[in-house]
């Protein structure tokens, strides 16, 4: 960059529990630019932001902001220095008025008392400059998420922030609300302020951002002008895969699996719920594994939750075994033979203080209970059988599950659902947070379940893992199904292309590489 940057973070390191979260990470942002900060889950984006804003303390590296070296000890110090952060979960006081939220802690005073007329007048003028006319005396909770985002932005502007960090601020907004927000962001840029924009929506990045920093595995792997990175290059950089490395995919085994699959076990048509899922259609047959592909934030988890009845769709149709289904809760889904392994093992999966035995039989416990008494012999038979068949390594079935490794905890959770004898198995990031050996074990188990006739729908951030297990792929982007791939198209290259360009488009680069590959095969 020719000009002196407003923010310059260099060689930033931090570790948690001896595990490096950031390794020589860097981020450089100029005044008067909108800068995209992107990367998959666990790439280090949030950690870098928390170091900048004083929530975490770095162990190495330097940070310069507005011409001086800084090392904020608290978020308050960062705010006072001119850095304002707007998180996905909007940090406003819901029962206070719009005007109060904008000037909270900085209210103009007259004769020692808060001058409410001035507070309300300035708040109205500020929001009107954004093209927003609302009653600023009303509680902020009475307004939509989009307007609350505007209030948070107005608070940042009123505090004379030199830099505004927006962390997934558009995730719950509709198209019209997003454009309104973008108008305000562009105005901030034109006023000479810097905006760090964190988002997984590719179209938004190209519509709004001037430059981009890509992070992967705690490191900065690319810094470019937005116009110099096409969508495919951006996706491959985020995922750490090159076209040359993934173009040769043997599809014979997958085609053979598809040829012998059974009838449709689960089908969804036009599912929609809020801003995260807008139009998802897919089907899964008995005896096949279908990969649900897409970047983080594309709607994968939200789709899984709709299929399991954890959330209710606003529209769309769902059928199980060819019969219409309308789940009001997960209990209804379980009764129809649907099982769901959540991506968040610790928060939504294990009960850490309970034993392995109790965790494994948690869902099927009603079937093991008669007149309030658990059939201990049957419970032991189920637990011992899954410990052996899944290769769960433990000291005793009675030890707390929290003492097991991540991979073995995941196997226990998988056994919990298999004990219900499901016909459809939904696996959301089944290998997240487990070691390489355990990942291989889980992949082997999924293949065996598929070969036994189970319908499996699984999502994974790592495309290599997805294509290694799945026979077909359904690609979703911004909450919408954009491609369904099988046969020769079921490979990492085609999936990345669909993620980058959506339905009906193919990049010239992919066509060229695949043409070369076809030529070499001949």
Protein backbone atom coordinates (compact mmCIF):
# COMPACT_ATOMS: atom_id res chain seq x y z
CA UNK A 1 0.00 0.00 0.00
CA UNK A 2 1.37 3.38 -0.99
CA UNK A 3 -0.17 5.32 1.88
CA UNK A 4 0.58 4.80 5.55
CA UNK A 5 -2.01 2.29 6.79
CA UNK A 6 -4.45 3.21 9.53
CA UNK A 7 -4.03 -0.30 10.98
CA UNK A 8 -0.96 -2.48 10.65
CA UNK A 9 -0.87 -5.82 12.49
CA UNK A 10 2.27 -7.86 11.91
CA UNK A 11 3.47 -11.32 13.06
CA UNK A 12 0.66 -11.80 15.59
CA UNK A 13 0.89 -15.00 17.66
CA UNK A 14 -1.42 -16.42 20.33
CA UNK A 15 -1.95 -19.92 21.73
CA UNK A 16 -4.64 -21.50 23.91
CA UNK A 17 -3.72 -24.49 26.03
CA UNK A 18 -0.47 -24.89 24.14
CA UNK A 19 -2.25 -24.96 20.76
CA UNK A 20 -1.39 -22.12 18.38
CA UNK A 21 -4.49 -20.16 17.31
CA UNK A 22 -2.57 -17.50 15.36
CA UNK A 23 0.87 -17.88 13.79
CA UNK A 24 2.54 -14.73 12.43
CA UNK A 25 -0.85 -13.43 11.30
CA UNK A 26 -1.06 -10.01 9.70
CA UNK A 27 -3.71 -7.48 8.71
CA UNK A 28 -3.20 -4.08 7.07
CA UNK A 29 -6.10 -1.67 6.53
CA UNK A 30 -6.07 1.85 5.09
CA UNK A 31 -8.28 4.77 6.03
CA UNK A 32 -11.15 5.20 3.57
CA UNK A 33 -11.40 1.55 2.50
CA UNK A 34 -13.74 -1.36 3.13
CA UNK A 35 -11.54 -4.36 3.85
CA UNK A 36 -12.84 -7.95 3.73
CA UNK A 37 -11.49 -10.37 6.36
CA UNK A 38 -12.46 -13.93 5.43
CA UNK A 39 -11.69 -17.55 6.20
CA UNK A 40 -13.38 -20.77 7.20
CA UNK A 41 -14.43 -21.60 10.75
CA UNK A 42 -11.34 -21.76 12.96
CA UNK A 43 -9.21 -19.78 10.50
CA UNK A 44 -8.40 -17.15 13.14
CA UNK A 45 -10.52 -14.17 12.07
CA UNK A 46 -12.33 -13.71 15.37
CA UNK A 47 -9.17 -14.25 17.38
CA UNK A 48 -7.34 -11.58 15.40
CA UNK A 49 -10.22 -9.13 15.92
CA UNK A 50 -10.33 -9.87 19.65
CA UNK A 51 -6.61 -9.16 19.93
CA UNK A 52 -7.06 -5.87 18.09
CA UNK A 53 -9.98 -4.84 20.31
CA UNK A 54 -8.35 -5.81 23.62
CA UNK A 55 -10.42 -8.91 24.41
CA UNK A 56 -7.32 -11.16 24.04
CA UNK A 57 -3.63 -10.41 24.65
CA UNK A 58 -1.19 -11.43 21.93
CA UNK A 59 1.97 -13.34 22.81
CA UNK A 60 4.03 -11.87 19.95
CA UNK A 61 3.85 -9.33 17.16
CA UNK A 62 3.19 -5.61 16.77
CA UNK A 63 0.05 -3.53 16.21
CA UNK A 64 0.10 0.06 14.98
CA UNK A 65 -3.09 2.08 14.81
CA UNK A 66 -3.46 5.68 13.68
CA UNK A 67 0.29 6.27 13.70
CA UNK A 68 1.22 4.77 17.06
CA UNK A 69 1.98 1.32 18.47
CA UNK A 70 -0.87 0.02 20.61
CA UNK A 71 -1.62 -2.98 22.83
CA UNK A 72 -5.13 -2.55 24.20
CA UNK A 73 -5.82 -4.30 27.49
CA UNK A 74 -9.61 -3.95 27.32
CA UNK A 75 -12.29 -3.37 24.66
CA UNK A 76 -13.00 -0.04 26.37
CA UNK A 77 -9.46 1.15 25.53
CA UNK A 78 -10.03 0.17 21.88
CA UNK A 79 -13.31 2.09 21.73
CA UNK A 80 -11.71 5.17 23.27
CA UNK A 81 -8.95 4.98 20.64
CA UNK A 82 -11.51 5.00 17.81
CA UNK A 83 -12.23 1.32 17.06
CA UNK A 84 -15.91 0.35 17.13
CA UNK A 85 -17.11 -3.24 16.68
CA UNK A 86 -20.56 -4.34 15.51
CA UNK A 87 -21.09 -8.04 16.15
CA UNK A 88 -23.50 -10.50 14.54
CA UNK A 89 -25.38 -10.55 17.86
CA UNK A 90 -26.14 -6.85 18.11
CA UNK A 91 -24.85 -5.34 21.33
CA UNK A 92 -27.66 -2.91 22.16
CA UNK A 93 -29.78 -2.40 25.29
CA UNK A 94 -33.19 -3.61 24.06
CA UNK A 95 -35.40 -1.78 26.57
CA UNK A 96 -33.67 1.57 26.11
CA UNK A 97 -34.68 3.96 23.34
CA UNK A 98 -32.89 4.29 20.02
CA UNK A 99 -31.52 7.69 21.05
CA UNK A 100 -30.27 6.35 24.39
CA UNK A 101 -28.49 3.45 22.69
CA UNK A 102 -26.72 5.75 20.24
CA UNK A 103 -25.33 8.07 22.93
CA UNK A 104 -25.14 5.67 25.88
CA UNK A 105 -22.37 6.81 28.22
CA UNK A 106 -21.70 9.91 26.07
CA UNK A 107 -24.93 11.86 26.57
CA UNK A 108 -24.68 15.65 26.10
CA UNK A 109 -25.42 17.47 29.36
CA UNK A 110 -26.85 20.82 30.38
CA UNK A 111 -26.32 22.14 33.89
CA UNK A 112 -25.02 18.72 34.91
CA UNK A 113 -28.12 16.88 33.71
CA UNK A 114 -28.63 14.83 30.55
CA UNK A 115 -30.04 17.05 27.80
CA UNK A 116 -32.62 14.62 26.41
CA UNK A 117 -33.89 16.98 23.73
CA UNK A 118 -30.40 17.30 22.31
CA UNK A 119 -29.86 13.52 22.55
CA UNK A 120 -33.04 12.85 20.59
CA UNK A 121 -32.41 15.61 18.05
CA UNK A 122 -28.87 14.44 17.29
CA UNK A 123 -30.00 10.80 17.06
CA UNK A 124 -32.76 11.73 14.59
CA UNK A 125 -30.38 13.83 12.48
CA UNK A 126 -27.79 11.09 12.39
CA UNK A 127 -30.25 8.39 11.31
CA UNK A 128 -31.83 10.72 8.75
CA UNK A 129 -28.39 11.15 7.22
CA UNK A 130 -28.53 7.35 6.70
CA UNK A 131 -31.91 7.76 4.98
CA UNK A 132 -33.75 6.41 8.02
CA UNK A 133 -36.70 8.24 9.61
CA UNK A 134 -37.89 6.55 12.81
CA UNK A 135 -39.13 7.55 16.26
CA UNK A 136 -35.89 7.59 18.27
CA UNK A 137 -37.83 7.71 21.55
CA UNK A 138 -39.09 4.14 21.05
CA UNK A 139 -37.26 1.14 22.60
CA UNK A 140 -34.80 -0.39 20.17
CA UNK A 141 -36.36 -3.85 20.63
CA UNK A 142 -39.45 -2.66 18.71
CA UNK A 143 -37.47 -2.33 15.48
CA UNK A 144 -36.24 -4.88 12.94
CA UNK A 145 -32.75 -6.38 12.98
CA UNK A 146 -31.78 -4.19 10.02
CA UNK A 147 -32.72 -0.98 11.84
CA UNK A 148 -30.91 -2.22 14.95
CA UNK A 149 -27.80 -2.64 12.78
CA UNK A 150 -28.24 0.97 11.65
CA UNK A 151 -28.51 2.10 15.27
CA UNK A 152 -25.28 0.24 16.08
CA UNK A 153 -23.62 1.91 13.10
CA UNK A 154 -24.96 5.31 14.16
CA UNK A 155 -23.45 4.76 17.60
CA UNK A 156 -20.09 4.07 15.96
CA UNK A 157 -20.35 7.18 13.79
CA UNK A 158 -21.42 9.40 16.71
CA UNK A 159 -18.38 8.30 18.68
CA UNK A 160 -16.09 9.52 15.86
CA UNK A 161 -14.75 5.99 15.32
CA UNK A 162 -11.85 5.89 12.88
CA UNK A 163 -12.43 2.18 12.23
CA UNK A 164 -15.61 0.12 12.29
CA UNK A 165 -15.45 -3.69 12.45
CA UNK A 166 -18.57 -5.45 11.14
CA UNK A 167 -18.68 -9.14 12.06
CA UNK A 168 -21.28 -11.01 9.94
CA UNK A 169 -23.59 -7.99 10.18
CA UNK A 170 -25.72 -9.04 7.19
CA UNK A 171 -26.36 -12.64 8.22
CA UNK A 172 -29.97 -12.03 9.30
CA UNK A 173 -30.93 -9.29 6.82
CA UNK A 174 -32.96 -9.52 3.63
CA UNK A 175 -31.77 -8.15 0.27
CA UNK A 176 -33.33 -4.69 0.68
CA UNK A 177 -31.96 -4.33 4.22
CA UNK A 178 -28.49 -5.40 3.08
CA UNK A 179 -28.44 -2.71 0.39
CA UNK A 180 -29.47 -0.08 2.94
CA UNK A 181 -26.64 -1.17 5.21
CA UNK A 182 -24.18 -1.08 2.29
CA UNK A 183 -25.21 2.49 1.50
CA UNK A 184 -24.23 3.52 5.03
CA UNK A 185 -20.95 1.57 4.88
CA UNK A 186 -20.01 3.29 1.61
CA UNK A 187 -20.73 6.63 3.25
CA UNK A 188 -18.38 5.75 6.10
CA UNK A 189 -15.69 4.90 3.55
CA UNK A 190 -16.26 8.17 1.69
CA UNK A 191 -15.89 10.03 5.00
CA UNK A 192 -12.39 8.53 5.35
CA UNK A 193 -13.21 5.87 7.91
CA UNK A 194 -11.94 2.29 7.61
CA UNK A 195 -14.35 -0.65 7.70
CA UNK A 196 -13.30 -4.24 8.34
CA UNK A 197 -16.08 -6.40 6.87
CA UNK A 198 -16.34 -10.05 7.92
CA UNK A 199 -18.73 -12.10 5.79
CA UNK A 200 -19.01 -15.47 4.04
CA UNK A 201 -21.32 -14.17 1.33
CA UNK A 202 -19.10 -13.88 -1.74
CA UNK A 203 -21.40 -11.57 -3.70
CA UNK A 204 -21.40 -9.10 -0.80
CA UNK A 205 -17.61 -9.03 -0.70
CA UNK A 206 -17.36 -8.14 -4.38
CA UNK A 207 -20.17 -5.58 -4.15
CA UNK A 208 -18.72 -3.72 -1.18
CA UNK A 209 -15.05 -4.38 -0.45
CA UNK A 210 -11.92 -2.76 -1.87
CA UNK A 211 -9.35 -5.27 -0.59
CA UNK A 212 -9.38 -8.70 1.05
CA UNK A 213 -7.29 -10.60 3.59
CA UNK A 214 -7.73 -14.39 3.63
CA UNK A 215 -6.90 -16.44 6.72
CA UNK A 216 -6.48 -20.19 7.04
CA UNK A 217 -5.32 -22.28 10.02
CA UNK A 218 -4.37 -19.21 12.04
CA UNK A 219 -2.24 -17.67 9.31
CA UNK A 220 -2.71 -14.91 6.74
CA UNK A 221 -2.48 -16.66 3.37
CA UNK A 222 -3.45 -13.86 0.97
CA UNK A 223 -3.75 -10.06 0.81
CA UNK A 224 -5.11 -8.69 -2.46
CA UNK A 225 -7.24 -6.07 -4.10
CA UNK A 226 -10.75 -7.52 -4.39
CA UNK A 227 -10.74 -7.08 -8.16
CA UNK A 228 -7.55 -9.14 -8.45
CA UNK A 229 -9.12 -12.30 -6.94
CA UNK A 230 -11.92 -13.96 -8.88
CA UNK A 231 -14.43 -16.02 -6.93
CA UNK A 232 -12.84 -19.36 -7.66
CA UNK A 233 -9.40 -18.16 -6.57
CA UNK A 234 -10.96 -16.77 -3.39
CA UNK A 235 -12.66 -20.08 -2.57
CA UNK A 236 -9.60 -22.23 -3.32
CA UNK A 237 -7.44 -19.93 -1.19
CA UNK A 238 -9.86 -20.17 1.73
CA UNK A 239 -10.04 -23.95 1.49
CA UNK A 240 -6.35 -24.46 0.81
CA UNK A 241 -6.91 -26.53 -2.31
CA UNK A 242 -5.64 -25.94 -5.84
CA UNK A 243 -7.35 -27.03 -9.04
CA UNK A 244 -4.32 -29.00 -10.12
CA UNK A 245 -4.45 -31.01 -6.90
CA UNK A 246 -8.11 -31.97 -7.12
CA UNK A 247 -9.01 -32.32 -10.80
CA UNK A 248 -8.24 -36.07 -11.03
CA UNK A 249 -11.12 -37.78 -9.22
CA UNK A 250 -12.05 -41.43 -9.79
CA UNK A 251 -15.86 -41.53 -10.04
CA UNK A 252 -16.27 -45.23 -10.83
CA UNK A 253 -16.85 -46.31 -7.23
CA UNK A 254 -19.36 -43.52 -6.64
CA UNK A 255 -21.28 -44.36 -9.80
CA UNK A 256 -21.42 -48.03 -8.75
CA UNK A 257 -22.84 -47.03 -5.35
CA UNK A 258 -25.49 -44.86 -7.00
CA UNK A 259 -26.51 -47.70 -9.31
CA UNK A 260 -27.40 -49.97 -6.39
CA UNK A 261 -29.00 -47.42 -4.03
CA UNK A 262 -32.53 -47.88 -2.79
CA UNK A 263 -35.62 -45.62 -2.90
CA UNK A 264 -35.70 -42.03 -1.69
CA UNK A 265 -35.56 -41.97 2.12
CA UNK A 266 -35.67 -38.19 2.62
CA UNK A 267 -36.64 -35.41 0.23
CA UNK A 268 -36.93 -31.67 0.73
CA UNK A 269 -38.35 -29.22 -1.79
CA UNK A 270 -38.06 -25.44 -1.56
CA UNK A 271 -37.28 -25.31 2.18
CA UNK A 272 -37.01 -21.77 3.56
CA UNK A 273 -36.69 -20.26 7.03
CA UNK A 274 -35.52 -16.72 7.69
CA UNK A 275 -32.47 -15.28 5.97
CA UNK A 276 -30.23 -18.35 6.41
CA UNK A 277 -32.28 -20.83 4.32
CA UNK A 278 -34.12 -19.37 1.34
CA UNK A 279 -34.64 -22.21 -1.17
CA UNK A 280 -33.08 -25.60 -0.44
CA UNK A 281 -34.06 -28.74 -2.33
CA UNK A 282 -32.36 -32.13 -1.95
CA UNK A 283 -33.02 -35.84 -1.66
CA UNK A 284 -31.19 -38.78 -0.12
CA UNK A 285 -31.75 -42.42 -1.08
CA UNK A 286 -31.37 -45.47 1.10
CA UNK A 287 -27.86 -46.85 0.70
CA UNK A 288 -26.17 -43.62 -0.35
CA UNK A 289 -24.19 -40.83 1.28
CA UNK A 290 -24.91 -37.30 0.06
CA UNK A 291 -22.54 -34.46 0.87
CA UNK A 292 -24.01 -31.06 1.78
CA UNK A 293 -21.36 -28.60 0.59
CA UNK A 294 -20.99 -24.86 1.02
CA UNK A 295 -18.92 -22.29 2.83
CA UNK A 296 -19.46 -21.54 6.49
CA UNK A 297 -22.55 -19.35 6.69
CA UNK A 298 -24.10 -20.83 3.54
CA UNK A 299 -26.95 -22.43 5.51
CA UNK A 300 -25.72 -26.00 5.94
CA UNK A 301 -26.38 -26.29 9.68
CA UNK A 302 -29.67 -24.40 9.40
CA UNK A 303 -30.81 -26.85 6.70
CA UNK A 304 -29.92 -29.83 8.89
CA UNK A 305 -31.91 -28.34 11.77
CA UNK A 306 -34.96 -27.90 9.53
CA UNK A 307 -34.73 -31.52 8.37
CA UNK A 308 -34.59 -32.68 12.01
CA UNK A 309 -37.44 -30.53 13.26
CA UNK A 310 -35.23 -28.44 15.54
CA UNK A 311 -36.47 -25.40 13.60
CA UNK A 312 -39.71 -24.94 11.69
CA UNK A 313 -39.66 -24.05 7.97
CA UNK A 314 -41.58 -21.01 6.78
CA UNK A 315 -42.31 -22.78 3.50
CA UNK A 316 -41.35 -25.86 1.52
CA UNK A 317 -42.15 -29.57 1.67
CA UNK A 318 -40.46 -32.48 3.43
CA UNK A 319 -41.09 -36.19 2.97
CA UNK A 320 -39.72 -39.32 4.64
CA UNK A 321 -39.92 -42.60 2.73
CA UNK A 322 -42.23 -40.98 0.19
CA UNK A 323 -44.73 -39.79 2.80
CA UNK A 324 -45.26 -36.13 3.70
CA UNK A 325 -43.70 -35.04 6.99
CA UNK A 326 -44.21 -31.89 9.05
CA UNK A 327 -42.05 -32.10 12.14
CA UNK A 328 -43.07 -29.90 15.06
CA UNK A 329 -40.05 -30.98 17.11
CA UNK A 330 -37.04 -33.36 17.01
CA UNK A 331 -39.23 -35.90 18.82
CA UNK A 332 -41.39 -36.14 15.68
CA UNK A 333 -38.30 -36.60 13.50
CA UNK A 334 -36.90 -39.33 15.73
CA UNK A 335 -40.25 -41.14 15.61
CA UNK A 336 -40.00 -41.14 11.78
CA UNK A 337 -36.48 -42.56 11.84
CA UNK A 338 -34.40 -39.40 11.44
CA UNK A 339 -31.25 -38.94 13.54
CA UNK A 340 -29.06 -35.83 13.78
CA UNK A 341 -25.46 -35.57 14.93
CA UNK A 342 -24.88 -31.88 15.72
CA UNK A 343 -21.74 -29.98 14.73
CA UNK A 344 -21.33 -28.61 18.29
CA UNK A 345 -20.38 -31.72 20.23
CA UNK A 346 -19.69 -29.93 23.50
CA UNK A 347 -22.68 -27.56 23.65
CA UNK A 348 -25.39 -29.72 22.03
CA UNK A 349 -24.06 -33.28 22.12
CA UNK A 350 -22.42 -34.72 25.18
CA UNK A 351 -23.60 -34.38 28.78
CA UNK A 352 -20.07 -34.07 30.21
CA UNK A 353 -20.71 -35.24 33.78
CA UNK A 354 -22.73 -38.30 32.78
CA UNK A 355 -21.08 -41.62 32.04
CA UNK A 356 -20.36 -42.98 28.60
CA UNK A 357 -23.11 -45.54 29.21
CA UNK A 358 -25.73 -42.91 30.02
CA UNK A 359 -24.67 -40.63 27.15
CA UNK A 360 -24.82 -43.44 24.63
CA UNK A 361 -28.32 -44.61 25.62
CA UNK A 362 -29.81 -41.17 26.28
CA UNK A 363 -32.14 -41.10 23.27
CA UNK A 364 -33.22 -44.74 23.37
CA UNK A 365 -33.67 -44.78 27.17
CA UNK A 366 -37.51 -44.69 26.98
CA UNK A 367 -37.43 -47.93 24.99
CA UNK A 368 -35.25 -49.50 27.70
CA UNK A 369 -37.52 -48.43 30.54
CA UNK A 370 -40.54 -50.27 31.86
CA UNK A 371 -42.62 -48.85 34.70
CA UNK A 372 -39.84 -46.42 35.48
CA UNK A 373 -37.13 -49.10 35.74
CA UNK A 374 -34.26 -49.31 33.22
CA UNK A 375 -33.48 -52.73 31.78
CA UNK A 376 -29.83 -52.67 32.82
CA UNK A 377 -28.98 -55.90 31.03
CA UNK A 378 -30.34 -54.63 27.73
CA UNK A 379 -28.61 -51.28 28.24
CA UNK A 380 -25.30 -53.04 28.88
CA UNK A 381 -25.76 -55.16 25.76
CA UNK A 382 -26.33 -52.10 23.57
CA UNK A 383 -23.41 -50.15 25.06
CA UNK A 384 -20.94 -53.03 24.90
CA UNK A 385 -21.97 -53.79 21.33
CA UNK A 386 -21.32 -50.26 20.08
CA UNK A 387 -18.07 -49.91 22.02
CA UNK A 388 -16.81 -52.97 20.16
CA UNK A 389 -18.28 -52.25 16.72
CA UNK A 390 -17.20 -48.58 16.63
CA UNK A 391 -13.86 -49.15 18.33
CA UNK A 392 -14.53 -46.70 21.17
CA UNK A 393 -11.44 -46.43 23.36
CA UNK A 394 -12.22 -45.95 27.05
CA UNK A 395 -11.34 -47.18 30.51
CA UNK A 396 -14.88 -48.13 31.46
CA UNK A 397 -18.42 -47.46 30.21
CA UNK A 398 -19.06 -45.89 33.60
CA UNK A 399 -16.40 -43.20 33.32
CA UNK A 400 -17.55 -39.61 32.57
CA UNK A 401 -17.66 -38.94 28.84
CA UNK A 402 -15.68 -35.70 29.35
CA UNK A 403 -12.60 -37.86 30.03
CA UNK A 404 -12.64 -39.33 26.52
CA UNK A 405 -10.81 -37.85 23.54
CA UNK A 406 -12.79 -35.79 21.04
CA UNK A 407 -12.82 -38.61 18.52
CA UNK A 408 -14.14 -41.14 21.01
CA UNK A 409 -16.78 -38.70 22.26
CA UNK A 410 -17.92 -38.35 18.66
CA UNK A 411 -18.18 -42.12 18.30
CA UNK A 412 -20.32 -42.29 21.45
CA UNK A 413 -22.67 -39.65 20.02
CA UNK A 414 -22.85 -41.53 16.72
CA UNK A 415 -23.65 -44.73 18.66
CA UNK A 416 -26.38 -42.84 20.56
CA UNK A 417 -28.24 -42.24 17.29
CA UNK A 418 -27.52 -45.63 15.75
CA UNK A 419 -29.11 -47.20 18.83
CA UNK A 420 -32.44 -45.68 17.70
CA UNK A 421 -32.25 -47.71 14.44
CA UNK A 422 -32.69 -44.69 12.14
CA UNK A 423 -33.45 -44.80 8.43
CA UNK A 424 -31.93 -41.34 7.80
CA UNK A 425 -28.74 -40.08 9.45
CA UNK A 426 -27.87 -36.37 9.37
CA UNK A 427 -24.21 -35.67 10.17
CA UNK A 428 -23.20 -32.03 10.59
CA UNK A 429 -19.39 -31.67 10.51
CA UNK A 430 -18.87 -35.16 12.02
CA UNK A 431 -15.07 -34.87 11.99
CA UNK A 432 -14.73 -31.36 13.47
CA UNK A 433 -12.27 -31.15 16.36
CA UNK A 434 -11.01 -34.74 16.20
CA UNK A 435 -7.61 -36.09 15.21
CA UNK A 436 -6.63 -37.61 11.87
CA UNK A 437 -6.97 -41.21 13.07
CA UNK A 438 -10.45 -40.61 14.45
CA UNK A 439 -11.46 -38.87 11.21
CA UNK A 440 -10.51 -41.98 9.25
CA UNK A 441 -12.52 -44.13 11.68
CA UNK A 442 -15.62 -41.94 11.30
CA UNK A 443 -15.31 -42.00 7.49
CA UNK A 444 -15.06 -45.80 7.55
CA UNK A 445 -18.14 -46.05 9.79
CA UNK A 446 -20.15 -43.77 7.47
CA UNK A 447 -19.27 -45.92 4.45
CA UNK A 448 -20.31 -49.06 6.32
CA UNK A 449 -23.62 -47.50 7.34
CA UNK A 450 -24.25 -46.48 3.74
CA UNK A 451 -23.44 -49.98 2.50
CA UNK A 452 -25.85 -51.36 5.11
CA UNK A 453 -28.66 -49.37 3.49
CA UNK A 454 -28.81 -46.24 5.64
CA UNK A 455 -29.48 -42.86 4.00
CA UNK A 456 -26.72 -40.47 5.07
CA UNK A 457 -26.59 -36.70 4.58
CA UNK A 458 -23.35 -35.17 5.82
CA UNK A 459 -21.76 -31.74 5.72
CA UNK A 460 -18.07 -30.93 6.02
CA UNK A 461 -15.93 -27.84 5.60
CA UNK A 462 -13.07 -29.93 4.22
CA UNK A 463 -14.02 -30.87 0.66
CA UNK A 464 -11.42 -33.63 0.60
CA UNK A 465 -13.27 -35.35 3.46
CA UNK A 466 -16.65 -34.78 1.82
CA UNK A 467 -15.71 -36.21 -1.56
CA UNK A 468 -13.93 -39.16 0.08
CA UNK A 469 -17.18 -40.33 1.69
CA UNK A 470 -20.12 -38.95 -0.30
CA UNK A 471 -21.47 -40.42 -3.54
CA UNK A 472 -23.22 -37.19 -4.56
CA UNK A 473 -23.03 -33.54 -3.52
CA UNK A 474 -25.68 -30.89 -3.00
CA UNK A 475 -24.10 -27.42 -3.01
CA UNK A 476 -25.80 -24.56 -1.20
CA UNK A 477 -24.82 -20.92 -1.37
CA UNK A 478 -26.43 -18.11 0.62
CA UNK A 479 -29.20 -20.45 1.74
CA UNK A 480 -30.07 -21.74 -1.72
CA UNK A 481 -29.37 -24.98 -3.59
CA UNK A 482 -27.16 -24.02 -6.54
CA UNK A 483 -25.93 -27.40 -7.77
CA UNK A 484 -26.45 -31.15 -7.42
CA UNK A 485 -23.42 -33.09 -8.57
CA UNK A 486 -22.84 -36.77 -9.23
CA UNK A 487 -20.85 -39.02 -11.52
CA UNK A 488 -17.91 -37.26 -13.17
CA UNK A 489 -19.04 -33.94 -11.66
CA UNK A 490 -18.71 -35.24 -8.09
CA UNK A 491 -15.27 -33.80 -7.33
CA UNK A 492 -13.70 -30.94 -5.44
CA UNK A 493 -13.20 -28.83 -8.54
CA UNK A 494 -16.88 -28.82 -9.49
CA UNK A 495 -17.96 -28.20 -5.89
CA UNK A 496 -15.62 -25.21 -5.54
CA UNK A 497 -16.83 -23.88 -8.88
CA UNK A 498 -20.48 -24.12 -7.76
CA UNK A 499 -19.67 -22.42 -4.45
CA UNK A 500 -17.90 -19.61 -6.27
CA UNK A 501 -20.23 -19.03 -9.22
CA UNK A 502 -23.58 -20.53 -8.26
CA UNK A 503 -25.99 -22.27 -10.60
CA UNK A 504 -25.64 -22.17 -14.37
CA UNK A 505 -22.17 -20.62 -14.44
CA UNK A 506 -18.79 -22.20 -14.95
CA UNK A 507 -15.49 -20.46 -14.74
CA UNK A 508 -13.21 -20.46 -17.78
CA UNK A 509 -10.37 -21.57 -15.50
CA UNK A 510 -12.20 -24.72 -14.42
CA UNK A 511 -13.18 -25.55 -17.99
CA UNK A 512 -9.57 -25.16 -19.11
CA UNK A 513 -8.18 -27.34 -16.31
CA UNK A 514 -10.79 -30.05 -16.80
CA UNK A 515 -10.25 -30.01 -20.57
CA UNK A 516 -6.53 -30.51 -19.96
CA UNK A 517 -7.31 -33.37 -17.59
CA UNK A 518 -9.57 -35.07 -20.17
CA UNK A 519 -6.84 -34.70 -22.78
CA UNK A 520 -4.22 -36.29 -20.53
CA UNK A 521 -6.56 -39.24 -19.82
CA UNK A 522 -6.82 -39.90 -23.58
